[in-house]
Every structure is written in C-alpha cells, then in structure tokens.
Amino acid sequence: MKSGISKAAGPILCFTINLICSSQAQAVELTQATTTDTAKKPSYSKPIVIKAYTHIRKGKYQDAIEVLKPSLKTDPKNVETHRYLAYSYMQIGRPADALSSATKVVECGIEHPHDAVTLGEAQFYTGKPKEAIEFYREALLLNPLHIDARAGVIRCLMALGRFHEAKAICKQAAYGYQGENGKTYFRKMLREIDSKTQIASRTIGS
C-alpha cells in the first residue's frame, strides 16, 4: 500500500515544524547530543559544527550544509557532522540526503531520541512508513514523552491505513500529555484521523 504522501506538496519540512516545538528548540537538542558525544571523544570538527549550528538557529539550513559537507572529505565518519546534515537536509526538503546522513549517525548506535526521530522522518518522507515506525518507536523507548516520535508513529500508522491503531495512540496522547500545546496538537490529529477514516470507508464501499 502506498504511503499516501503527496508528491505535489511544497518543500518537505521536519515534523517538528508542524508541531509545537520550534526549530531553535530542536537545534538545542542537537547541541545537547553533540555535547554528549564530544565528552566521549574529542571532535576535530567542533568549530565547523558550531558554525553550522549558528546557521541552523537562524534558519539558514543551506548555509549549514555548505559549511559541513567539505569536512566529510577529511572526516567522513564524524557523527556530529552527519547529525547536523541530516537535520538540515530535512528542513530544506531533501529526505533522501537526510536518510543517508541519518543512517550514518545511527550506525554508531542510537543513544539520542533525536537521531532516531530524524531517521524516522527521512524514512517516512522517502515512502517507507514501515521502516520509519520502528525508529520512532525506538525514540520512544529512549524518551516516552517525545512528541515528535509519538506523532511519527501515528502518521506512519495512518499512511499504512491502520487508522484504528493510530486513533487509539492519538487519543491517549491527546488526554495524557500534561502540556496544553501537546494536547491541542494531538486533538487536531484525532480530527484528521476521523476524516481520513471516513474517506477510506467510502472508498472501500464504492
């Protein structure tokens, strides 16, 4: 079954742009992940990553990519570089490139929910909801309250036509999250699920 993602849509944005989390908040999470990594092993790309992070906070994702890509020639396996590249590629609507970079990050083992979510997004937007849902679920194992990961699972289930499962998870999230923003978002998703369920029912019945 096709994922139902519209090819005519404009530039593809990361789920968090559609959610209540801001781009700046995600960039902070990226920095926290990078800080943890660099505590384990010195990073020779740190000045480059800091420069890329500055561009990302300003929404200049293409500039961040142009800063990061040359560093791969001398350090092709640098996790920090691939992490920021994956994020930036998703923001400018290049999920295939994001998938390549995100895959290199998780090859070292998923330690941060953000990395699993980014790979899930890249999988989803390249038409692989079955693969994407596993990474969203892995992110939830690391952080059960990760809104992007929860929304990702719901979107994948919808894309797979599993509307009843999607609704059950979404309903639980709509009433289970403490923050009002999260509740509002998931309630909006509930209405979307109901609408798509009705469309699917009419299609089957016709």
C-alpha atoms as a PDB file:
ATOM      1  CA  MET A   1       0.000   0.000   0.000  1.00  0.00           C
ATOM      2  CA  LYS A   2       1.336   3.440  -0.869  1.00  0.00           C
ATOM      3  CA  SER A   3       2.086   5.807   1.954  1.00  0.00           C
ATOM      4  CA  GLY A   4      -0.292   8.438   0.631  1.00  0.00           C
ATOM      5  CA  ILE A   5       2.293  11.221   0.814  1.00  0.00           C
ATOM      6  CA  SER A   6       1.540  13.915  -1.747  1.00  0.00           C
ATOM      7  CA  LYS A   7       4.260  14.354  -4.344  1.00  0.00           C
ATOM      8  CA  ALA A   8       2.784  17.722  -5.205  1.00  0.00           C
ATOM      9  CA  ALA A   9       3.418  19.113  -1.747  1.00  0.00           C
ATOM     10  CA  GLY A  10       5.796  22.023  -1.289  1.00  0.00           C
ATOM     11  CA  PRO A  11       9.199  21.693   0.362  1.00  0.00           C
ATOM     12  CA  ILE A  12       9.053  18.906   2.933  1.00  0.00           C
ATOM     13  CA  LEU A  13       9.513  20.111   6.456  1.00  0.00           C
ATOM     14  CA  CYS A  14      10.564  18.231   9.550  1.00  0.00           C
ATOM     15  CA  PHE A  15       7.627  17.088  11.719  1.00  0.00           C
ATOM     16  CA  THR A  16       8.624  19.499  14.432  1.00  0.00           C
ATOM     17  CA  ILE A  17       7.917  22.457  12.180  1.00  0.00           C
ATOM     18  CA  ASN A  18       4.306  21.239  12.104  1.00  0.00           C
ATOM     19  CA  LEU A  19       4.361  20.510  15.823  1.00  0.00           C
ATOM     20  CA  ILE A  20       4.654  22.912  18.717  1.00  0.00           C
ATOM     21  CA  CYS A  21       8.454  22.552  19.012  1.00  0.00           C
ATOM     22  CA  SER A  22      10.408  25.344  17.328  1.00  0.00           C
ATOM     23  CA  SER A  23      13.403  24.920  15.055  1.00  0.00           C
ATOM     24  CA  GLN A  24      15.533  26.571  17.703  1.00  0.00           C
ATOM     25  CA  ALA A  25      14.421  24.054  20.324  1.00  0.00           C
ATOM     26  CA  GLN A  26      15.402  21.171  18.051  1.00  0.00           C
ATOM     27  CA  ALA A  27      18.754  22.774  17.394  1.00  0.00           C
ATOM     28  CA  VAL A  28      19.318  22.948  21.153  1.00  0.00           C
ATOM     29  CA  GLU A  29      18.577  19.222  21.380  1.00  0.00           C
ATOM     30  CA  LEU A  30      21.109  18.629  18.612  1.00  0.00           C
ATOM     31  CA  THR A  31      23.673  20.587  20.589  1.00  0.00           C
ATOM     32  CA  GLN A  32      22.964  18.558  23.711  1.00  0.00           C
ATOM     33  CA  ALA A  33      23.519  15.363  21.733  1.00  0.00           C
ATOM     34  CA  THR A  34      26.742  16.747  20.302  1.00  0.00           C
ATOM     35  CA  THR A  35      27.973  17.754  23.755  1.00  0.00           C
ATOM     36  CA  THR A  36      27.434  14.209  24.986  1.00  0.00           C
ATOM     37  CA  ASP A  37      29.329  12.779  22.023  1.00  0.00           C
ATOM     38  CA  THR A  38      32.278  15.124  22.345  1.00  0.00           C
ATOM     39  CA  ALA A  39      32.588  14.245  26.020  1.00  0.00           C
ATOM     40  CA  LYS A  40      33.363  10.696  24.920  1.00  0.00           C
ATOM     41  CA  LYS A  41      35.816  11.506  22.153  1.00  0.00           C
ATOM     42  CA  PRO A  42      37.483  14.760  21.006  1.00  0.00           C
ATOM     43  CA  SER A  43      35.939  16.116  17.824  1.00  0.00           C
ATOM     44  CA  TYR A  44      38.160  17.748  15.232  1.00  0.00           C
ATOM     45  CA  SER A  45      35.103  19.221  13.550  1.00  0.00           C
ATOM     46  CA  LYS A  46      33.832  21.120  16.592  1.00  0.00           C
ATOM     47  CA  PRO A  47      34.436  24.659  15.195  1.00  0.00           C
ATOM     48  CA  ILE A  48      32.684  23.621  11.977  1.00  0.00           C
ATOM     49  CA  VAL A  49      29.744  22.164  13.877  1.00  0.00           C
ATOM     50  CA  ILE A  50      29.434  25.303  15.988  1.00  0.00           C
ATOM     51  CA  LYS A  51      29.374  27.415  12.824  1.00  0.00           C
ATOM     52  CA  ALA A  52      26.730  25.129  11.299  1.00  0.00           C
ATOM     53  CA  TYR A  53      24.677  25.333  14.490  1.00  0.00           C
ATOM     54  CA  THR A  54      24.730  29.138  14.244  1.00  0.00           C
ATOM     55  CA  HIS A  55      23.328  28.927  10.710  1.00  0.00           C
ATOM     56  CA  ILE A  56      20.680  26.427  11.803  1.00  0.00           C
ATOM     57  CA  ARG A  57      19.454  28.662  14.608  1.00  0.00           C
ATOM     58  CA  LYS A  58      18.960  31.408  12.038  1.00  0.00           C
ATOM     59  CA  GLY A  59      17.099  29.073   9.708  1.00  0.00           C
ATOM     60  CA  LYS A  60      19.935  29.120   7.159  1.00  0.00           C
ATOM     61  CA  TYR A  61      19.985  25.384   6.532  1.00  0.00           C
ATOM     62  CA  GLN A  62      21.630  25.534   3.109  1.00  0.00           C
ATOM     63  CA  ASP A  63      24.459  27.582   4.591  1.00  0.00           C
ATOM     64  CA  ALA A  64      24.875  24.951   7.313  1.00  0.00           C
ATOM     65  CA  ILE A  65      25.113  22.225   4.667  1.00  0.00           C
ATOM     66  CA  GLU A  66      27.731  24.153   2.714  1.00  0.00           C
ATOM     67  CA  VAL A  67      29.798  24.509   5.884  1.00  0.00           C
ATOM     68  CA  LEU A  68      29.525  20.856   6.853  1.00  0.00           C
ATOM     69  CA  LYS A  69      29.927  18.955   3.576  1.00  0.00           C
ATOM     70  CA  PRO A  70      33.613  19.832   2.912  1.00  0.00           C
ATOM     71  CA  SER A  71      34.585  18.482   6.338  1.00  0.00           C
ATOM     72  CA  LEU A  72      33.469  14.995   5.292  1.00  0.00           C
ATOM     73  CA  LYS A  73      36.462  14.780   2.949  1.00  0.00           C
ATOM     74  CA  THR A  74      38.825  14.666   5.919  1.00  0.00           C
ATOM     75  CA  ASP A  75      36.465  13.140   8.482  1.00  0.00           C
ATOM     76  CA  PRO A  76      33.811  11.107   6.600  1.00  0.00           C
ATOM     77  CA  LYS A  77      32.518   9.253   9.659  1.00  0.00           C
ATOM     78  CA  ASN A  78      32.077  12.201  12.002  1.00  0.00           C
ATOM     79  CA  VAL A  79      28.784  11.659  13.818  1.00  0.00           C
ATOM     80  CA  GLU A  80      28.274  15.336  14.662  1.00  0.00           C
ATOM     81  CA  THR A  81      28.605  16.382  11.039  1.00  0.00           C
ATOM     82  CA  HIS A  82      26.142  13.774   9.800  1.00  0.00           C
ATOM     83  CA  ARG A  83      23.697  14.646  12.589  1.00  0.00           C
ATOM     84  CA  TYR A  84      23.557  18.307  11.570  1.00  0.00           C
ATOM     85  CA  LEU A  85      23.487  17.460   7.877  1.00  0.00           C
ATOM     86  CA  ALA A  86      20.538  15.101   8.341  1.00  0.00           C
ATOM     87  CA  TYR A  87      18.610  17.751  10.242  1.00  0.00           C
ATOM     88  CA  SER A  88      19.389  20.477   7.690  1.00  0.00           C
ATOM     89  CA  TYR A  89      18.513  18.287   4.712  1.00  0.00           C
ATOM     90  CA  MET A  90      15.102  17.534   6.236  1.00  0.00           C
ATOM     91  CA  GLN A  91      14.445  21.219   6.719  1.00  0.00           C
ATOM     92  CA  ILE A  92      15.002  22.048   3.041  1.00  0.00           C
ATOM     93  CA  GLY A  93      13.023  19.098   1.715  1.00  0.00           C
ATOM     94  CA  ARG A  94      15.774  16.645   0.781  1.00  0.00           C
ATOM     95  CA  PRO A  95      14.762  13.494   2.691  1.00  0.00           C
ATOM     96  CA  ALA A  96      16.876  11.124   0.580  1.00  0.00           C
ATOM     97  CA  ASP A  97      20.024  13.033   1.543  1.00  0.00           C
ATOM     98  CA  ALA A  98      18.804  13.226   5.134  1.00  0.00           C
ATOM     99  CA  LEU A  99      18.313   9.472   5.115  1.00  0.00           C
ATOM    100  CA  SER A 100      21.898   8.915   4.016  1.00  0.00           C
ATOM    101  CA  SER A 101      23.320  11.136   6.757  1.00  0.00           C
ATOM    102  CA  ALA A 102      20.947   9.912   9.478  1.00  0.00           C
ATOM    103  CA  THR A 103      21.804   6.302   8.671  1.00  0.00           C
ATOM    104  CA  LYS A 104      25.483   7.033   9.278  1.00  0.00           C
ATOM    105  CA  VAL A 105      24.623   8.525  12.665  1.00  0.00           C
ATOM    106  CA  VAL A 106      22.665   5.511  13.910  1.00  0.00           C
ATOM    107  CA  GLU A 107      25.253   3.061  12.593  1.00  0.00           C
ATOM    108  CA  CYS A 108      27.205   4.014  15.707  1.00  0.00           C
ATOM    109  CA  GLY A 109      24.220   3.047  17.867  1.00  0.00           C
ATOM    110  CA  ILE A 110      21.179   5.132  18.767  1.00  0.00           C
ATOM    111  CA  GLU A 111      21.788   6.983  22.007  1.00  0.00           C
ATOM    112  CA  HIS A 112      19.676  10.092  21.439  1.00  0.00           C
ATOM    113  CA  PRO A 113      15.953  10.074  20.599  1.00  0.00           C
ATOM    114  CA  HIS A 114      16.508  12.941  18.176  1.00  0.00           C
ATOM    115  CA  ASP A 115      18.672  10.747  15.944  1.00  0.00           C
ATOM    116  CA  ALA A 116      16.028   8.030  15.791  1.00  0.00           C
ATOM    117  CA  VAL A 117      13.333  10.617  15.022  1.00  0.00           C
ATOM    118  CA  THR A 118      15.387  12.194  12.246  1.00  0.00           C
ATOM    119  CA  LEU A 119      15.961   8.806  10.637  1.00  0.00           C
ATOM    120  CA  GLY A 120      12.282   8.013  11.047  1.00  0.00           C
ATOM    121  CA  GLU A 121      11.336  11.239   9.288  1.00  0.00           C
ATOM    122  CA  ALA A 122      13.740  10.552   6.452  1.00  0.00           C
ATOM    123  CA  GLN A 123      12.348   7.042   6.028  1.00  0.00           C
ATOM    124  CA  PHE A 124       8.762   8.294   6.125  1.00  0.00           C
ATOM    125  CA  TYR A 125       9.280  11.035   3.562  1.00  0.00           C
ATOM    126  CA  THR A 126      11.040   8.644   1.198  1.00  0.00           C
ATOM    127  CA  GLY A 127       7.947   6.444   1.225  1.00  0.00           C
ATOM    128  CA  LYS A 128       8.997   3.874   3.838  1.00  0.00           C
ATOM    129  CA  PRO A 129       6.490   4.132   6.700  1.00  0.00           C
ATOM    130  CA  LYS A 130       7.060   0.515   7.798  1.00  0.00           C
ATOM    131  CA  GLU A 131      10.744   1.207   8.372  1.00  0.00           C
ATOM    132  CA  ALA A 132      10.096   4.660   9.822  1.00  0.00           C
ATOM    133  CA  ILE A 133       7.738   3.464  12.535  1.00  0.00           C
ATOM    134  CA  GLU A 134      10.445   1.259  14.069  1.00  0.00           C
ATOM    135  CA  PHE A 135      12.766   4.227  14.547  1.00  0.00           C
ATOM    136  CA  TYR A 136      10.002   6.371  16.029  1.00  0.00           C
ATOM    137  CA  ARG A 137       9.292   3.570  18.478  1.00  0.00           C
ATOM    138  CA  GLU A 138      12.968   3.320  19.330  1.00  0.00           C
ATOM    139  CA  ALA A 139      12.963   7.044  20.103  1.00  0.00           C
ATOM    140  CA  LEU A 140      10.020   6.482  22.443  1.00  0.00           C
ATOM    141  CA  LEU A 141      11.976   3.818  24.291  1.00  0.00           C
ATOM    142  CA  LEU A 142      14.613   6.456  24.996  1.00  0.00           C
ATOM    143  CA  ASN A 143      12.060   9.159  25.769  1.00  0.00           C
ATOM    144  CA  PRO A 144       8.421   8.032  26.199  1.00  0.00           C
ATOM    145  CA  LEU A 145       7.252  11.671  26.144  1.00  0.00           C
ATOM    146  CA  HIS A 146       8.933  12.618  22.870  1.00  0.00           C
ATOM    147  CA  ILE A 147       6.120  14.380  20.999  1.00  0.00           C
ATOM    148  CA  ASP A 148       7.734  14.150  17.562  1.00  0.00           C
ATOM    149  CA  ALA A 149       8.249  10.407  17.942  1.00  0.00           C
ATOM    150  CA  ARG A 150       4.653   9.857  19.097  1.00  0.00           C
ATOM    151  CA  ALA A 151       3.321  11.912  16.195  1.00  0.00           C
ATOM    152  CA  GLY A 152       5.592   9.991  13.838  1.00  0.00           C
ATOM    153  CA  VAL A 153       4.149   6.648  14.922  1.00  0.00           C
ATOM    154  CA  ILE A 154       0.644   7.988  14.362  1.00  0.00           C
ATOM    155  CA  ARG A 155       1.489   9.344  10.904  1.00  0.00           C
ATOM    156  CA  CYS A 156       3.045   6.042   9.880  1.00  0.00           C
ATOM    157  CA  LEU A 157       0.011   4.072  11.023  1.00  0.00           C
ATOM    158  CA  MET A 158      -2.221   6.423   9.059  1.00  0.00           C
ATOM    159  CA  ALA A 159      -0.051   6.042   5.975  1.00  0.00           C
ATOM    160  CA  LEU A 160      -0.350   2.264   6.338  1.00  0.00           C
ATOM    161  CA  GLY A 161      -4.129   2.504   6.609  1.00  0.00           C
ATOM    162  CA  ARG A 162      -4.129   1.360  10.250  1.00  0.00           C
ATOM    163  CA  PHE A 163      -6.475   4.121  11.374  1.00  0.00           C
ATOM    164  CA  HIS A 164      -7.897   2.380  14.463  1.00  0.00           C
ATOM    165  CA  GLU A 165      -4.413   1.867  15.911  1.00  0.00           C
ATOM    166  CA  ALA A 166      -3.473   5.432  15.054  1.00  0.00           C
ATOM    167  CA  LYS A 167      -6.595   6.752  16.740  1.00  0.00           C
ATOM    168  CA  ALA A 168      -6.023   4.748  19.929  1.00  0.00           C
ATOM    169  CA  ILE A 169      -2.469   6.090  20.298  1.00  0.00           C
ATOM    170  CA  CYS A 170      -3.501   9.610  19.363  1.00  0.00           C
ATOM    171  CA  LYS A 171      -6.414   9.623  21.807  1.00  0.00           C
ATOM    172  CA  GLN A 172      -4.162   8.506  24.615  1.00  0.00           C
ATOM    173  CA  ALA A 173      -1.687  11.270  23.743  1.00  0.00           C
ATOM    174  CA  ALA A 174      -4.421  13.900  23.426  1.00  0.00           C
ATOM    175  CA  TYR A 175      -5.515  13.323  27.010  1.00  0.00           C
ATOM    176  CA  GLY A 176      -2.290  12.037  28.509  1.00  0.00           C
ATOM    177  CA  TYR A 177       0.185  14.840  27.830  1.00  0.00           C
ATOM    178  CA  GLN A 178       0.472  17.421  30.554  1.00  0.00           C
ATOM    179  CA  GLY A 179       1.202  20.386  28.291  1.00  0.00           C
ATOM    180  CA  GLU A 180      -1.776  22.081  26.644  1.00  0.00           C
ATOM    181  CA  ASN A 181       0.120  22.575  23.386  1.00  0.00           C
ATOM    182  CA  GLY A 182       0.683  18.839  23.057  1.00  0.00           C
ATOM    183  CA  LYS A 183      -2.941  18.056  23.885  1.00  0.00           C
ATOM    184  CA  THR A 184      -4.161  20.589  21.321  1.00  0.00           C
ATOM    185  CA  TYR A 185      -1.913  19.151  18.622  1.00  0.00           C
ATOM    186  CA  PHE A 186      -2.965  15.555  19.178  1.00  0.00           C
ATOM    187  CA  ARG A 187      -6.631  16.523  19.320  1.00  0.00           C
ATOM    188  CA  LYS A 188      -6.166  18.128  15.927  1.00  0.00           C
ATOM    189  CA  MET A 189      -4.615  14.876  14.719  1.00  0.00           C
ATOM    190  CA  LEU A 190      -7.620  12.986  16.056  1.00  0.00           C
ATOM    191  CA  ARG A 191      -9.898  15.024  13.813  1.00  0.00           C
ATOM    192  CA  GLU A 192      -7.601  14.316  10.876  1.00  0.00           C
ATOM    193  CA  ILE A 193      -7.700  10.578  11.592  1.00  0.00           C
ATOM    194  CA  ASP A 194     -11.510  10.621  11.759  1.00  0.00           C
ATOM    195  CA  SER A 195     -11.650  12.443   8.439  1.00  0.00           C
ATOM    196  CA  LYS A 196      -9.279  10.002   6.719  1.00  0.00           C
ATOM    197  CA  THR A 197     -11.090   7.026   8.227  1.00  0.00           C
ATOM    198  CA  GLN A 198     -14.353   8.238   6.709  1.00  0.00           C
ATOM    199  CA  ILE A 199     -12.687   8.775   3.316  1.00  0.00           C
ATOM    200  CA  ALA A 200     -11.173   5.280   3.441  1.00  0.00           C
ATOM    201  CA  SER A 201     -14.546   3.770   4.359  1.00  0.00           C
ATOM    202  CA  ARG A 202     -16.272   5.485   1.460  1.00  0.00           C
ATOM    203  CA  THR A 203     -13.530   4.341  -0.911  1.00  0.00           C
ATOM    204  CA  ILE A 204     -13.872   0.716   0.184  1.00  0.00           C
ATOM    205  CA  GLY A 205     -17.659   0.876  -0.008  1.00  0.00           C
ATOM    206  CA  SER A 206     -17.739   2.375  -3.502  1.00  0.00           C
END
